[in-house]
Amino acid sequence: DLDAFLEQVHSREHQMATGLPGGVGLPHARSEYVNRTSIAVGVAKYGHSLDFGAMDGPATLVLLMATPAQSFSEHLEVLATIARSLFKENFRESLRRAHDAEVIAELINSSLVFHDH
C-alpha cells in the first residue's frame, strides 16, 4: 500500500527533518506495508529542489528508504551506512550523474556491502 507507506514517511518527516549536508534528503520509515528493505533514489531536475530541512538548504538528491516494521536493527544499520556514504561528496556526485537505474543500484549496493542477507 504505497499511499499508506508514504503517509508514514510524511508523518516521520514532521517529527524530525531528514535533510543531510550537500543537498540530500533521506526520508525513511519502518512500515508494516513494506516486506523488504528498499531504497528509491531521485535526482531533481536542474533548477529544482525539495526542502528536507537541512541547514545548508534544500535537496537535489533524495533517497527514500523503506524497511519492514519488524526490521529495527537492519533499519538503523542501513540508515547509518547510507548516511555515512552520503556525507562523501564523490558518492553524492556519482548518484547525481548516474542516469541509469543499474548504475544507481550498483552505487547503493556497493555502499551497503555489510549485508549478508
C-alpha atoms as a PDB file:
ATOM      1  CA  ASP A   1       0.000   0.000   0.000  1.00  0.00           C
ATOM      2  CA  LEU A   2       2.179   2.804  -1.325  1.00  0.00           C
ATOM      3  CA  ASP A   3      -0.113   5.625  -0.201  1.00  0.00           C
ATOM      4  CA  ALA A   4      -0.246   4.325   3.367  1.00  0.00           C
ATOM      5  CA  PHE A   5       3.541   3.932   3.417  1.00  0.00           C
ATOM      6  CA  LEU A   6       4.087   7.457   2.078  1.00  0.00           C
ATOM      7  CA  GLU A   7       1.734   8.783   4.741  1.00  0.00           C
ATOM      8  CA  GLN A   8       4.012   7.200   7.367  1.00  0.00           C
ATOM      9  CA  VAL A   9       7.080   8.732   5.707  1.00  0.00           C
ATOM     10  CA  HIS A  10       5.336  12.110   5.741  1.00  0.00           C
ATOM     11  CA  SER A  11       4.482  11.925   9.442  1.00  0.00           C
ATOM     12  CA  ARG A  12       8.030  10.733  10.196  1.00  0.00           C
ATOM     13  CA  GLU A  13       9.343  13.771   8.323  1.00  0.00           C
ATOM     14  CA  HIS A  14       7.215  16.046  10.513  1.00  0.00           C
ATOM     15  CA  GLN A  15       8.785  14.572  13.676  1.00  0.00           C
ATOM     16  CA  MET A  16      12.327  15.256  12.518  1.00  0.00           C
ATOM     17  CA  ALA A  17      13.781  16.647   9.301  1.00  0.00           C
ATOM     18  CA  THR A  18      15.861  14.198   7.268  1.00  0.00           C
ATOM     19  CA  GLY A  19      17.960  16.635   5.250  1.00  0.00           C
ATOM     20  CA  LEU A  20      21.709  15.965   5.133  1.00  0.00           C
ATOM     21  CA  PRO A  21      24.507  18.352   4.133  1.00  0.00           C
ATOM     22  CA  GLY A  22      25.313  18.586   0.440  1.00  0.00           C
ATOM     23  CA  GLY A  23      21.750  18.836  -0.857  1.00  0.00           C
ATOM     24  CA  VAL A  24      20.484  15.432   0.253  1.00  0.00           C
ATOM     25  CA  GLY A  25      17.120  14.282   1.600  1.00  0.00           C
ATOM     26  CA  LEU A  26      16.955  10.898   3.318  1.00  0.00           C
ATOM     27  CA  PRO A  27      13.276  10.329   4.148  1.00  0.00           C
ATOM     28  CA  HIS A  28      12.652   6.931   5.714  1.00  0.00           C
ATOM     29  CA  ALA A  29      10.150   4.807   7.599  1.00  0.00           C
ATOM     30  CA  ARG A  30       9.763   1.344   9.035  1.00  0.00           C
ATOM     31  CA  SER A  31       6.370   0.098   7.957  1.00  0.00           C
ATOM     32  CA  GLU A  32       4.055  -2.880   8.038  1.00  0.00           C
ATOM     33  CA  TYR A  33       3.383  -2.070   4.351  1.00  0.00           C
ATOM     34  CA  VAL A  34       6.973  -2.927   3.415  1.00  0.00           C
ATOM     35  CA  ASN A  35       8.125  -6.533   3.040  1.00  0.00           C
ATOM     36  CA  ARG A  36      11.792  -5.961   2.215  1.00  0.00           C
ATOM     37  CA  THR A  37      14.262  -3.151   2.695  1.00  0.00           C
ATOM     38  CA  SER A  38      14.299  -0.919  -0.367  1.00  0.00           C
ATOM     39  CA  ILE A  39      15.770   2.424  -1.345  1.00  0.00           C
ATOM     40  CA  ALA A  40      14.349   4.634  -4.094  1.00  0.00           C
ATOM     41  CA  VAL A  41      16.655   7.316  -5.497  1.00  0.00           C
ATOM     42  CA  GLY A  42      15.537  10.560  -7.095  1.00  0.00           C
ATOM     43  CA  VAL A  43      17.577  13.382  -8.594  1.00  0.00           C
ATOM     44  CA  ALA A  44      15.877  16.752  -9.030  1.00  0.00           C
ATOM     45  CA  LYS A  45      15.872  18.322 -12.483  1.00  0.00           C
ATOM     46  CA  TYR A  46      18.263  21.215 -12.937  1.00  0.00           C
ATOM     47  CA  GLY A  47      16.991  24.300 -11.135  1.00  0.00           C
ATOM     48  CA  HIS A  48      14.615  22.325  -8.900  1.00  0.00           C
ATOM     49  CA  SER A  49      14.978  21.166  -5.301  1.00  0.00           C
ATOM     50  CA  LEU A  50      12.989  19.872  -2.319  1.00  0.00           C
ATOM     51  CA  ASP A  51      13.259  21.091   1.258  1.00  0.00           C
ATOM     52  CA  PHE A  52      14.101  18.340   3.745  1.00  0.00           C
ATOM     53  CA  GLY A  53      15.124  20.757   6.477  1.00  0.00           C
ATOM     54  CA  ALA A  54      18.905  20.610   6.049  1.00  0.00           C
ATOM     55  CA  MET A  55      20.901  23.523   7.464  1.00  0.00           C
ATOM     56  CA  ASP A  56      22.638  24.196   4.139  1.00  0.00           C
ATOM     57  CA  GLY A  57      19.478  24.347   2.044  1.00  0.00           C
ATOM     58  CA  PRO A  58      17.144  22.166   0.010  1.00  0.00           C
ATOM     59  CA  ALA A  59      17.893  18.778  -1.548  1.00  0.00           C
ATOM     60  CA  THR A  60      18.555  17.906  -5.165  1.00  0.00           C
ATOM     61  CA  LEU A  61      19.264  14.253  -4.319  1.00  0.00           C
ATOM     62  CA  VAL A  62      16.622  12.241  -2.440  1.00  0.00           C
ATOM     63  CA  LEU A  63      16.895   8.693  -1.134  1.00  0.00           C
ATOM     64  CA  LEU A  64      13.640   7.243   0.179  1.00  0.00           C
ATOM     65  CA  MET A  65      14.304   4.276   2.436  1.00  0.00           C
ATOM     66  CA  ALA A  66      11.630   1.711   3.236  1.00  0.00           C
ATOM     67  CA  THR A  67      12.101  -1.068   5.789  1.00  0.00           C
ATOM     68  CA  PRO A  68       9.740  -3.684   7.211  1.00  0.00           C
ATOM     69  CA  ALA A  69       8.226  -2.722  10.580  1.00  0.00           C
ATOM     70  CA  GLN A  70       9.971  -5.555  12.434  1.00  0.00           C
ATOM     71  CA  SER A  71      13.452  -4.868  10.980  1.00  0.00           C
ATOM     72  CA  PHE A  72      14.552  -2.409  13.631  1.00  0.00           C
ATOM     73  CA  SER A  73      18.285  -3.181  13.705  1.00  0.00           C
ATOM     74  CA  GLU A  74      18.506  -3.530   9.923  1.00  0.00           C
ATOM     75  CA  HIS A  75      16.744  -0.182   9.519  1.00  0.00           C
ATOM     76  CA  LEU A  76      19.291   1.569  11.737  1.00  0.00           C
ATOM     77  CA  GLU A  77      22.220  -0.238  10.127  1.00  0.00           C
ATOM     78  CA  VAL A  78      21.176   0.599   6.567  1.00  0.00           C
ATOM     79  CA  LEU A  79      20.301   4.178   7.535  1.00  0.00           C
ATOM     80  CA  ALA A  80      23.658   4.757   9.246  1.00  0.00           C
ATOM     81  CA  THR A  81      25.626   3.156   6.422  1.00  0.00           C
ATOM     82  CA  ILE A  82      23.881   5.035   3.618  1.00  0.00           C
ATOM     83  CA  ALA A  83      24.115   8.314   5.576  1.00  0.00           C
ATOM     84  CA  ARG A  84      27.870   7.782   6.028  1.00  0.00           C
ATOM     85  CA  SER A  85      28.254   7.303   2.273  1.00  0.00           C
ATOM     86  CA  LEU A  86      26.129  10.383   1.564  1.00  0.00           C
ATOM     87  CA  PHE A  87      28.490  12.558   3.611  1.00  0.00           C
ATOM     88  CA  LYS A  88      31.128  11.860   0.912  1.00  0.00           C
ATOM     89  CA  GLU A  89      30.893  14.338  -1.939  1.00  0.00           C
ATOM     90  CA  ASN A  90      32.117  11.879  -4.571  1.00  0.00           C
ATOM     91  CA  PHE A  91      29.341   9.412  -3.644  1.00  0.00           C
ATOM     92  CA  ARG A  92      26.683  12.149  -3.889  1.00  0.00           C
ATOM     93  CA  GLU A  93      28.052  13.329  -7.235  1.00  0.00           C
ATOM     94  CA  SER A  94      28.183   9.769  -8.605  1.00  0.00           C
ATOM     95  CA  LEU A  95      24.494   9.339  -7.753  1.00  0.00           C
ATOM     96  CA  ARG A  96      23.619  12.696  -9.308  1.00  0.00           C
ATOM     97  CA  ARG A  97      25.462  11.844 -12.527  1.00  0.00           C
ATOM     98  CA  ALA A  98      24.089   8.300 -12.846  1.00  0.00           C
ATOM     99  CA  HIS A  99      21.258   8.334 -15.377  1.00  0.00           C
ATOM    100  CA  ASP A 100      20.725   4.618 -15.318  1.00  0.00           C
ATOM    101  CA  ALA A 101      18.871   2.571 -12.707  1.00  0.00           C
ATOM    102  CA  GLU A 102      21.503  -0.209 -12.795  1.00  0.00           C
ATOM    103  CA  VAL A 103      24.333   2.229 -12.094  1.00  0.00           C
ATOM    104  CA  ILE A 104      22.387   3.748  -9.185  1.00  0.00           C
ATOM    105  CA  ALA A 105      21.607   0.281  -7.799  1.00  0.00           C
ATOM    106  CA  GLU A 106      25.289  -0.662  -8.068  1.00  0.00           C
ATOM    107  CA  LEU A 107      26.371   2.505  -6.206  1.00  0.00           C
ATOM    108  CA  ILE A 108      23.815   1.958  -3.425  1.00  0.00           C
ATOM    109  CA  ASN A 109      24.506  -1.776  -3.107  1.00  0.00           C
ATOM    110  CA  SER A 110      28.272  -1.293  -3.034  1.00  0.00           C
ATOM    111  CA  SER A 111      27.861   1.172  -0.163  1.00  0.00           C
ATOM    112  CA  LEU A 112      25.845  -1.462   1.744  1.00  0.00           C
ATOM    113  CA  VAL A 113      28.365  -4.296   1.436  1.00  0.00           C
ATOM    114  CA  PHE A 114      27.979  -5.252   5.114  1.00  0.00           C
ATOM    115  CA  HIS A 115      24.765  -7.097   4.181  1.00  0.00           C
ATOM    116  CA  ASP A 116      24.814 -10.875   4.279  1.00  0.00           C
ATOM    117  CA  HIS A 117      21.059 -11.218   3.816  1.00  0.00           C
END
